[in-house]
Amino acid sequence: TVSLYDFKDNAIVLDFSTAWCYYCQAAAFESQ
């Protein structure tokens, strides 16, 4: 279990995606 608040004090990008979405896959490809 991971909490959003585990990363408090960091700037956060919260990316809501789906596996079947092409642009989500493009974002995942660049996320690292």
PDB file of all heavy atoms in Angstrom:
ATOM      1  N   THR A   1       0.842  -1.187   0.000  1.00  0.00           N
ATOM      2  CA  THR A   1       0.000   0.000   0.000  1.00  0.00           C
ATOM      3  C   THR A   1       0.882   1.243   0.000  1.00  0.00           C
ATOM      4  O   THR A   1       1.817   1.359   0.788  1.00  0.00           O
ATOM      5  CB  THR A   1      -0.922   0.016   1.241  1.00  0.00           C
ATOM      6  OG1 THR A   1      -1.750  -1.140   1.193  1.00  0.00           O
ATOM      7  CG2 THR A   1      -1.798   1.266   1.253  1.00  0.00           C
ATOM      8  N   VAL A   2       0.587   2.147  -0.917  1.00  0.00           N
ATOM      9  CA  VAL A   2       1.326   3.394  -1.051  1.00  0.00           C
ATOM     10  C   VAL A   2       0.330   4.534  -0.901  1.00  0.00           C
ATOM     11  O   VAL A   2      -0.749   4.510  -1.484  1.00  0.00           O
ATOM     12  CB  VAL A   2       2.037   3.473  -2.422  1.00  0.00           C
ATOM     13  CG1 VAL A   2       2.723   4.809  -2.608  1.00  0.00           C
ATOM     14  CG2 VAL A   2       3.031   2.335  -2.571  1.00  0.00           C
ATOM     15  N   SER A   3       0.710   5.532  -0.116  1.00  0.00           N
ATOM     16  CA  SER A   3      -0.134   6.696   0.116  1.00  0.00           C
ATOM     17  C   SER A   3       0.424   7.886  -0.650  1.00  0.00           C
ATOM     18  O   SER A   3       1.645   8.063  -0.726  1.00  0.00           O
ATOM     19  CB  SER A   3      -0.150   7.004   1.620  1.00  0.00           C
ATOM     20  OG  SER A   3      -0.659   8.297   1.867  1.00  0.00           O
ATOM     21  N   LEU A   4      -0.455   8.718  -1.178  1.00  0.00           N
ATOM     22  CA  LEU A   4      -0.008   9.957  -1.812  1.00  0.00           C
ATOM     23  C   LEU A   4       0.814  10.775  -0.822  1.00  0.00           C
ATOM     24  O   LEU A   4       1.819  11.376  -1.171  1.00  0.00           O
ATOM     25  CB  LEU A   4      -1.226  10.759  -2.295  1.00  0.00           C
ATOM     26  CG  LEU A   4      -0.955  12.116  -2.944  1.00  0.00           C
ATOM     27  CD1 LEU A   4      -0.111  11.953  -4.203  1.00  0.00           C
ATOM     28  CD2 LEU A   4      -2.264  12.810  -3.270  1.00  0.00           C
ATOM     29  N   TYR A   5       0.415  10.742   0.448  1.00  0.00           N
ATOM     30  CA  TYR A   5       1.088  11.533   1.477  1.00  0.00           C
ATOM     31  C   TYR A   5       2.447  10.962   1.888  1.00  0.00           C
ATOM     32  O   TYR A   5       3.177  11.597   2.634  1.00  0.00           O
ATOM     33  CB  TYR A   5       0.166  11.737   2.678  1.00  0.00           C
ATOM     34  CG  TYR A   5      -0.843  12.829   2.382  1.00  0.00           C
ATOM     35  CD1 TYR A   5      -1.983  12.571   1.636  1.00  0.00           C
ATOM     36  CD2 TYR A   5      -0.613  14.126   2.808  1.00  0.00           C
ATOM     37  CE1 TYR A   5      -2.878  13.578   1.333  1.00  0.00           C
ATOM     38  CE2 TYR A   5      -1.506  15.136   2.509  1.00  0.00           C
ATOM     39  CZ  TYR A   5      -2.627  14.858   1.771  1.00  0.00           C
ATOM     40  OH  TYR A   5      -3.495  15.866   1.468  1.00  0.00           O
ATOM     41  N   ASP A   6       2.805   9.788   1.363  1.00  0.00           N
ATOM     42  CA  ASP A   6       4.167   9.273   1.559  1.00  0.00           C
ATOM     43  C   ASP A   6       5.179  10.198   0.886  1.00  0.00           C
ATOM     44  O   ASP A   6       6.361  10.168   1.207  1.00  0.00           O
ATOM     45  CB  ASP A   6       4.327   7.867   0.958  1.00  0.00           C
ATOM     46  CG  ASP A   6       3.571   6.790   1.712  1.00  0.00           C
ATOM     47  OD1 ASP A   6       3.153   7.034   2.866  1.00  0.00           O
ATOM     48  OD2 ASP A   6       3.369   5.699   1.127  1.00  0.00           O
ATOM     49  N   PHE A   7       4.703  11.010  -0.058  1.00  0.00           N
ATOM     50  CA  PHE A   7       5.585  11.861  -0.859  1.00  0.00           C
ATOM     51  C   PHE A   7       5.431  13.342  -0.524  1.00  0.00           C
ATOM     52  O   PHE A   7       5.864  14.195  -1.290  1.00  0.00           O
ATOM     53  CB  PHE A   7       5.342  11.595  -2.351  1.00  0.00           C
ATOM     54  CG  PHE A   7       5.449  10.134  -2.656  1.00  0.00           C
ATOM     55  CD1 PHE A   7       4.316   9.351  -2.800  1.00  0.00           C
ATOM     56  CD2 PHE A   7       6.690   9.527  -2.741  1.00  0.00           C
ATOM     57  CE1 PHE A   7       4.413   7.993  -3.042  1.00  0.00           C
ATOM     58  CE2 PHE A   7       6.800   8.169  -2.983  1.00  0.00           C
ATOM     59  CZ  PHE A   7       5.660   7.402  -3.124  1.00  0.00           C
ATOM     60  N   LYS A   8       4.824  13.631   0.634  1.00  0.00           N
ATOM     61  CA  LYS A   8       4.698  15.015   1.097  1.00  0.00           C
ATOM     62  C   LYS A   8       6.110  15.612   1.146  1.00  0.00           C
ATOM     63  O   LYS A   8       7.067  14.916   1.406  1.00  0.00           O
ATOM     64  CB  LYS A   8       4.051  15.067   2.478  1.00  0.00           C
ATOM     65  CG  LYS A   8       3.799  16.489   2.951  1.00  0.00           C
ATOM     66  CD  LYS A   8       3.176  16.484   4.329  1.00  0.00           C
ATOM     67  CE  LYS A   8       2.899  17.872   4.822  1.00  0.00           C
ATOM     68  NZ  LYS A   8       4.015  18.794   4.815  1.00  0.00           N
ATOM     69  N   ASP A   9       6.222  16.862   0.887  1.00  0.00           N
ATOM     70  CA  ASP A   9       7.491  17.603   0.794  1.00  0.00           C
ATOM     71  C   ASP A   9       8.155  17.446  -0.564  1.00  0.00           C
ATOM     72  O   ASP A   9       9.210  18.018  -0.797  1.00  0.00           O
ATOM     73  CB  ASP A   9       8.478  17.258   1.916  1.00  0.00           C
ATOM     74  CG  ASP A   9       7.920  17.586   3.301  1.00  0.00           C
ATOM     75  OD1 ASP A   9       7.169  18.582   3.417  1.00  0.00           O
ATOM     76  OD2 ASP A   9       8.218  16.846   4.238  1.00  0.00           O
ATOM     77  N   ASN A  10       7.577  16.656  -1.467  1.00  0.00           N
ATOM     78  CA  ASN A  10       8.039  16.576  -2.854  1.00  0.00           C
ATOM     79  C   ASN A  10       7.017  17.275  -3.736  1.00  0.00           C
ATOM     80  O   ASN A  10       5.833  17.324  -3.398  1.00  0.00           O
ATOM     81  CB  ASN A  10       8.139  15.122  -3.329  1.00  0.00           C
ATOM     82  CG  ASN A  10       9.427  14.471  -2.916  1.00  0.00           C
ATOM     83  OD1 ASN A  10      10.280  15.072  -2.283  1.00  0.00           O
ATOM     84  ND2 ASN A  10       9.579  13.212  -3.288  1.00  0.00           N
ATOM     85  N   ALA A  11       7.456  17.780  -4.864  1.00  0.00           N
ATOM     86  CA  ALA A  11       6.536  18.188  -5.919  1.00  0.00           C
ATOM     87  C   ALA A  11       6.078  16.899  -6.588  1.00  0.00           C
ATOM     88  O   ALA A  11       6.882  15.987  -6.793  1.00  0.00           O
ATOM     89  CB  ALA A  11       7.244  19.101  -6.902  1.00  0.00           C
ATOM     90  N   ILE A  12       4.800  16.809  -6.914  1.00  0.00           N
ATOM     91  CA  ILE A  12       4.239  15.549  -7.409  1.00  0.00           C
ATOM     92  C   ILE A  12       3.474  15.774  -8.705  1.00  0.00           C
ATOM     93  O   ILE A  12       2.698  16.726  -8.817  1.00  0.00           O
ATOM     94  CB  ILE A  12       3.276  14.931  -6.361  1.00  0.00           C
ATOM     95  CG1 ILE A  12       4.012  14.636  -5.052  1.00  0.00           C
ATOM     96  CG2 ILE A  12       2.591  13.683  -6.906  1.00  0.00           C
ATOM     97  CD1 ILE A  12       3.092  14.278  -3.901  1.00  0.00           C
ATOM     98  N   VAL A  13       3.676  14.876  -9.650  1.00  0.00           N
ATOM     99  CA  VAL A  13       2.791  14.763 -10.803  1.00  0.00           C
ATOM    100  C   VAL A  13       1.996  13.493 -10.583  1.00  0.00           C
ATOM    101  O   VAL A  13       2.559  12.413 -10.384  1.00  0.00           O
ATOM    102  CB  VAL A  13       3.565  14.675 -12.128  1.00  0.00           C
ATOM    103  CG1 VAL A  13       2.647  14.221 -13.255  1.00  0.00           C
ATOM    104  CG2 VAL A  13       4.164  16.014 -12.476  1.00  0.00           C
ATOM    105  N   LEU A  14       0.684  13.637 -10.576  1.00  0.00           N
ATOM    106  CA  LEU A  14      -0.227  12.518 -10.405  1.00  0.00           C
ATOM    107  C   LEU A  14      -0.880  12.283 -11.766  1.00  0.00           C
ATOM    108  O   LEU A  14      -1.687  13.103 -12.230  1.00  0.00           O
ATOM    109  CB  LEU A  14      -1.255  12.872  -9.331  1.00  0.00           C
ATOM    110  CG  LEU A  14      -2.162  11.796  -8.788  1.00  0.00           C
ATOM    111  CD1 LEU A  14      -1.373  10.605  -8.258  1.00  0.00           C
ATOM    112  CD2 LEU A  14      -3.033  12.372  -7.684  1.00  0.00           C
ATOM    113  N   ASP A  15      -0.483  11.199 -12.422  1.00  0.00           N
ATOM    114  CA  ASP A  15      -0.886  10.888 -13.796  1.00  0.00           C
ATOM    115  C   ASP A  15      -1.944   9.788 -13.756  1.00  0.00           C
ATOM    116  O   ASP A  15      -1.645   8.649 -13.432  1.00  0.00           O
ATOM    117  CB  ASP A  15       0.378  10.448 -14.554  1.00  0.00           C
ATOM    118  CG  ASP A  15       0.128   9.783 -15.889  1.00  0.00           C
ATOM    119  OD1 ASP A  15      -1.029   9.571 -16.295  1.00  0.00           O
ATOM    120  OD2 ASP A  15       1.140   9.442 -16.541  1.00  0.00           O
ATOM    121  N   PHE A  16      -3.193  10.159 -14.047  1.00  0.00           N
ATOM    122  CA  PHE A  16      -4.275   9.173 -14.121  1.00  0.00           C
ATOM    123  C   PHE A  16      -4.352   8.672 -15.553  1.00  0.00           C
ATOM    124  O   PHE A  16      -4.633   9.439 -16.478  1.00  0.00           O
ATOM    125  CB  PHE A  16      -5.611   9.794 -13.704  1.00  0.00           C
ATOM    126  CG  PHE A  16      -5.698  10.096 -12.237  1.00  0.00           C
ATOM    127  CD1 PHE A  16      -5.405  11.367 -11.764  1.00  0.00           C
ATOM    128  CD2 PHE A  16      -6.054   9.113 -11.329  1.00  0.00           C
ATOM    129  CE1 PHE A  16      -5.481  11.654 -10.408  1.00  0.00           C
ATOM    130  CE2 PHE A  16      -6.132   9.393  -9.969  1.00  0.00           C
ATOM    131  CZ  PHE A  16      -5.846  10.661  -9.508  1.00  0.00           C
ATOM    132  N   SER A  17      -4.085   7.379 -15.752  1.00  0.00           N
ATOM    133  CA  SER A  17      -4.017   6.795 -17.078  1.00  0.00           C
ATOM    134  C   SER A  17      -4.763   5.472 -17.130  1.00  0.00           C
ATOM    135  O   SER A  17      -5.149   4.917 -16.099  1.00  0.00           O
ATOM    136  CB  SER A  17      -2.550   6.535 -17.462  1.00  0.00           C
ATOM    137  OG  SER A  17      -1.882   7.733 -17.770  1.00  0.00           O
ATOM    138  N   THR A  18      -4.910   4.953 -18.346  1.00  0.00           N
ATOM    139  CA  THR A  18      -5.411   3.601 -18.570  1.00  0.00           C
ATOM    140  C   THR A  18      -4.436   2.904 -19.517  1.00  0.00           C
ATOM    141  O   THR A  18      -3.732   3.563 -20.288  1.00  0.00           O
ATOM    142  CB  THR A  18      -6.819   3.603 -19.210  1.00  0.00           C
ATOM    143  OG1 THR A  18      -6.728   4.185 -20.503  1.00  0.00           O
ATOM    144  CG2 THR A  18      -7.822   4.335 -18.346  1.00  0.00           C
ATOM    145  N   ALA A  19      -4.414   1.587 -19.448  1.00  0.00           N
ATOM    146  CA  ALA A  19      -3.494   0.826 -20.295  1.00  0.00           C
ATOM    147  C   ALA A  19      -3.873   0.920 -21.769  1.00  0.00           C
ATOM    148  O   ALA A  19      -3.001   0.947 -22.634  1.00  0.00           O
ATOM    149  CB  ALA A  19      -3.463  -0.632 -19.851  1.00  0.00           C
ATOM    150  N   TRP A  20      -5.148   1.011 -22.072  1.00  0.00           N
ATOM    151  CA  TRP A  20      -5.612   0.979 -23.451  1.00  0.00           C
ATOM    152  C   TRP A  20      -5.506   2.327 -24.177  1.00  0.00           C
ATOM    153  O   TRP A  20      -5.723   2.404 -25.380  1.00  0.00           O
ATOM    154  CB  TRP A  20      -7.059   0.471 -23.519  1.00  0.00           C
ATOM    155  CG  TRP A  20      -7.996   1.114 -22.535  1.00  0.00           C
ATOM    156  CD1 TRP A  20      -8.362   0.610 -21.314  1.00  0.00           C
ATOM    157  CD2 TRP A  20      -8.671   2.368 -22.666  1.00  0.00           C
ATOM    158  NE1 TRP A  20      -9.223   1.471 -20.681  1.00  0.00           N
ATOM    159  CE2 TRP A  20      -9.439   2.565 -21.494  1.00  0.00           C
ATOM    160  CE3 TRP A  20      -8.713   3.343 -23.659  1.00  0.00           C
ATOM    161  CZ2 TRP A  20     -10.221   3.683 -21.286  1.00  0.00           C
ATOM    162  CZ3 TRP A  20      -9.500   4.467 -23.451  1.00  0.00           C
ATOM    163  CH2 TRP A  20     -10.243   4.622 -22.285  1.00  0.00           C
ATOM    164  N   CYS A  21      -5.151   3.377 -23.463  1.00  0.00           N
ATOM    165  CA  CYS A  21      -5.086   4.726 -24.026  1.00  0.00           C
ATOM    166  C   CYS A  21      -3.707   4.976 -24.648  1.00  0.00           C
ATOM    167  O   CYS A  21      -2.683   4.864 -23.968  1.00  0.00           O
ATOM    168  CB  CYS A  21      -5.381   5.727 -22.908  1.00  0.00           C
ATOM    169  SG  CYS A  21      -4.758   7.384 -23.158  1.00  0.00           S
ATOM    170  N   TYR A  22      -3.684   5.316 -25.941  1.00  0.00           N
ATOM    171  CA  TYR A  22      -2.422   5.545 -26.650  1.00  0.00           C
ATOM    172  C   TYR A  22      -1.595   6.651 -25.993  1.00  0.00           C
ATOM    173  O   TYR A  22      -0.390   6.507 -25.791  1.00  0.00           O
ATOM    174  CB  TYR A  22      -2.692   5.890 -28.122  1.00  0.00           C
ATOM    175  CG  TYR A  22      -1.453   6.356 -28.838  1.00  0.00           C
ATOM    176  CD1 TYR A  22      -0.517   5.423 -29.284  1.00  0.00           C
ATOM    177  CD2 TYR A  22      -1.195   7.711 -29.028  1.00  0.00           C
ATOM    178  CE1 TYR A  22       0.652   5.841 -29.923  1.00  0.00           C
ATOM    179  CE2 TYR A  22      -0.034   8.136 -29.661  1.00  0.00           C
ATOM    180  CZ  TYR A  22       0.881   7.191 -30.105  1.00  0.00           C
ATOM    181  OH  TYR A  22       2.033   7.607 -30.723  1.00  0.00           O
ATOM    182  N   TYR A  23      -2.223   7.787 -25.660  1.00  0.00           N
ATOM    183  CA  TYR A  23      -1.476   8.914 -25.091  1.00  0.00           C
ATOM    184  C   TYR A  23      -0.990   8.600 -23.676  1.00  0.00           C
ATOM    185  O   TYR A  23       0.032   9.125 -23.238  1.00  0.00           O
ATOM    186  CB  TYR A  23      -2.315  10.197 -25.137  1.00  0.00           C
ATOM    187  CG  TYR A  23      -2.560  10.624 -26.561  1.00  0.00           C
ATOM    188  CD1 TYR A  23      -3.780  10.397 -27.170  1.00  0.00           C
ATOM    189  CD2 TYR A  23      -1.540  11.204 -27.306  1.00  0.00           C
ATOM    190  CE1 TYR A  23      -3.996  10.757 -28.498  1.00  0.00           C
ATOM    191  CE2 TYR A  23      -1.736  11.562 -28.636  1.00  0.00           C
ATOM    192  CZ  TYR A  23      -2.972  11.338 -29.219  1.00  0.00           C
ATOM    193  OH  TYR A  23      -3.169  11.685 -30.536  1.00  0.00           O
ATOM    194  N   CYS A  24      -1.702   7.725 -22.980  1.00  0.00           N
ATOM    195  CA  CYS A  24      -1.244   7.258 -21.665  1.00  0.00           C
ATOM    196  C   CYS A  24       0.036   6.434 -21.829  1.00  0.00           C
ATOM    197  O   CYS A  24       0.959   6.529 -21.021  1.00  0.00           O
ATOM    198  CB  CYS A  24      -2.314   6.417 -20.975  1.00  0.00           C
ATOM    199  SG  CYS A  24      -3.873   7.285 -20.687  1.00  0.00           S
ATOM    200  N   GLN A  25       0.071   5.625 -22.875  1.00  0.00           N
ATOM    201  CA  GLN A  25       1.264   4.829 -23.157  1.00  0.00           C
ATOM    202  C   GLN A  25       2.437   5.739 -23.524  1.00  0.00           C
ATOM    203  O   GLN A  25       3.569   5.498 -23.097  1.00  0.00           O
ATOM    204  CB  GLN A  25       0.982   3.834 -24.273  1.00  0.00           C
ATOM    205  CG  GLN A  25      -0.022   2.767 -23.875  1.00  0.00           C
ATOM    206  CD  GLN A  25      -0.413   1.874 -25.041  1.00  0.00           C
ATOM    207  OE1 GLN A  25       0.317   1.733 -26.019  1.00  0.00           O
ATOM    208  NE2 GLN A  25      -1.587   1.264 -24.937  1.00  0.00           N
ATOM    209  N   ALA A  26       2.153   6.795 -24.285  1.00  0.00           N
ATOM    210  CA  ALA A  26       3.211   7.751 -24.641  1.00  0.00           C
ATOM    211  C   ALA A  26       3.760   8.415 -23.382  1.00  0.00           C
ATOM    212  O   ALA A  26       4.971   8.589 -23.234  1.00  0.00           O
ATOM    213  CB  ALA A  26       2.669   8.797 -25.616  1.00  0.00           C
ATOM    214  N   ALA A  27       2.865   8.774 -22.452  1.00  0.00           N
ATOM    215  CA  ALA A  27       3.292   9.383 -21.185  1.00  0.00           C
ATOM    216  C   ALA A  27       4.115   8.384 -20.372  1.00  0.00           C
ATOM    217  O   ALA A  27       5.147   8.737 -19.794  1.00  0.00           O
ATOM    218  CB  ALA A  27       2.081   9.867 -20.384  1.00  0.00           C
ATOM    219  N   ALA A  28       3.666   7.125 -20.322  1.00  0.00           N
ATOM    220  CA  ALA A  28       4.401   6.092 -19.572  1.00  0.00           C
ATOM    221  C   ALA A  28       5.798   5.907 -20.156  1.00  0.00           C
ATOM    222  O   ALA A  28       6.767   5.740 -19.411  1.00  0.00           O
ATOM    223  CB  ALA A  28       3.638   4.773 -19.595  1.00  0.00           C
ATOM    224  N   PHE A  29       5.903   5.971 -21.486  1.00  0.00           N
ATOM    225  CA  PHE A  29       7.188   5.818 -22.157  1.00  0.00           C
ATOM    226  C   PHE A  29       8.179   6.892 -21.710  1.00  0.00           C
ATOM    227  O   PHE A  29       9.363   6.636 -21.580  1.00  0.00           O
ATOM    228  CB  PHE A  29       6.993   5.868 -23.678  1.00  0.00           C
ATOM    229  CG  PHE A  29       8.252   5.671 -24.452  1.00  0.00           C
ATOM    230  CD1 PHE A  29       8.847   4.424 -24.538  1.00  0.00           C
ATOM    231  CD2 PHE A  29       8.863   6.741 -25.094  1.00  0.00           C
ATOM    232  CE1 PHE A  29      10.021   4.236 -25.254  1.00  0.00           C
ATOM    233  CE2 PHE A  29      10.041   6.570 -25.806  1.00  0.00           C
ATOM    234  CZ  PHE A  29      10.615   5.311 -25.883  1.00  0.00           C
ATOM    235  N   GLU A  30       7.700   8.113 -21.425  1.00  0.00           N
ATOM    236  CA  GLU A  30       8.576   9.213 -21.009  1.00  0.00           C
ATOM    237  C   GLU A  30       8.652   9.406 -19.493  1.00  0.00           C
ATOM    238  O   GLU A  30       9.465  10.197 -19.019  1.00  0.00           O
ATOM    239  CB  GLU A  30       8.108  10.516 -21.671  1.00  0.00           C
ATOM    240  CG  GLU A  30       8.312  10.505 -23.161  1.00  0.00           C
ATOM    241  CD  GLU A  30       8.102  11.869 -23.795  1.00  0.00           C
ATOM    242  OE1 GLU A  30       8.401  12.884 -23.138  1.00  0.00           O
ATOM    243  OE2 GLU A  30       7.646  11.893 -24.949  1.00  0.00           O
ATOM    244  N   SER A  31       7.818   8.712 -18.746  1.00  0.00           N
ATOM    245  CA  SER A  31       7.716   8.961 -17.299  1.00  0.00           C
ATOM    246  C   SER A  31       9.030   8.751 -16.549  1.00  0.00           C
ATOM    247  O   SER A  31       9.379   9.559 -15.683  1.00  0.00           O
ATOM    248  CB  SER A  31       6.612   8.100 -16.673  1.00  0.00           C
ATOM    249  OG  SER A  31       6.918   6.724 -16.772  1.00  0.00           O
ATOM    250  N   GLN A  32       9.774   7.703 -16.866  1.00  0.00           N
ATOM    251  CA  GLN A  32      11.033   7.448 -16.148  1.00  0.00           C
ATOM    252  C   GLN A  32      12.065   8.528 -16.453  1.00  0.00           C
ATOM    253  O   GLN A  32      12.778   8.986 -15.562  1.00  0.00           O
ATOM    254  CB  GLN A  32      11.595   6.061 -16.470  1.00  0.00           C
ATOM    255  CG  GLN A  32      12.793   5.677 -15.621  1.00  0.00           C
ATOM    256  CD  GLN A  32      12.457   5.641 -14.136  1.00  0.00           C
ATOM    257  OE1 GLN A  32      11.536   4.955 -13.711  1.00  0.00           O
ATOM    258  NE2 GLN A  32      13.208   6.383 -13.326  1.00  0.00           N
TER     259      GLN A  32
END
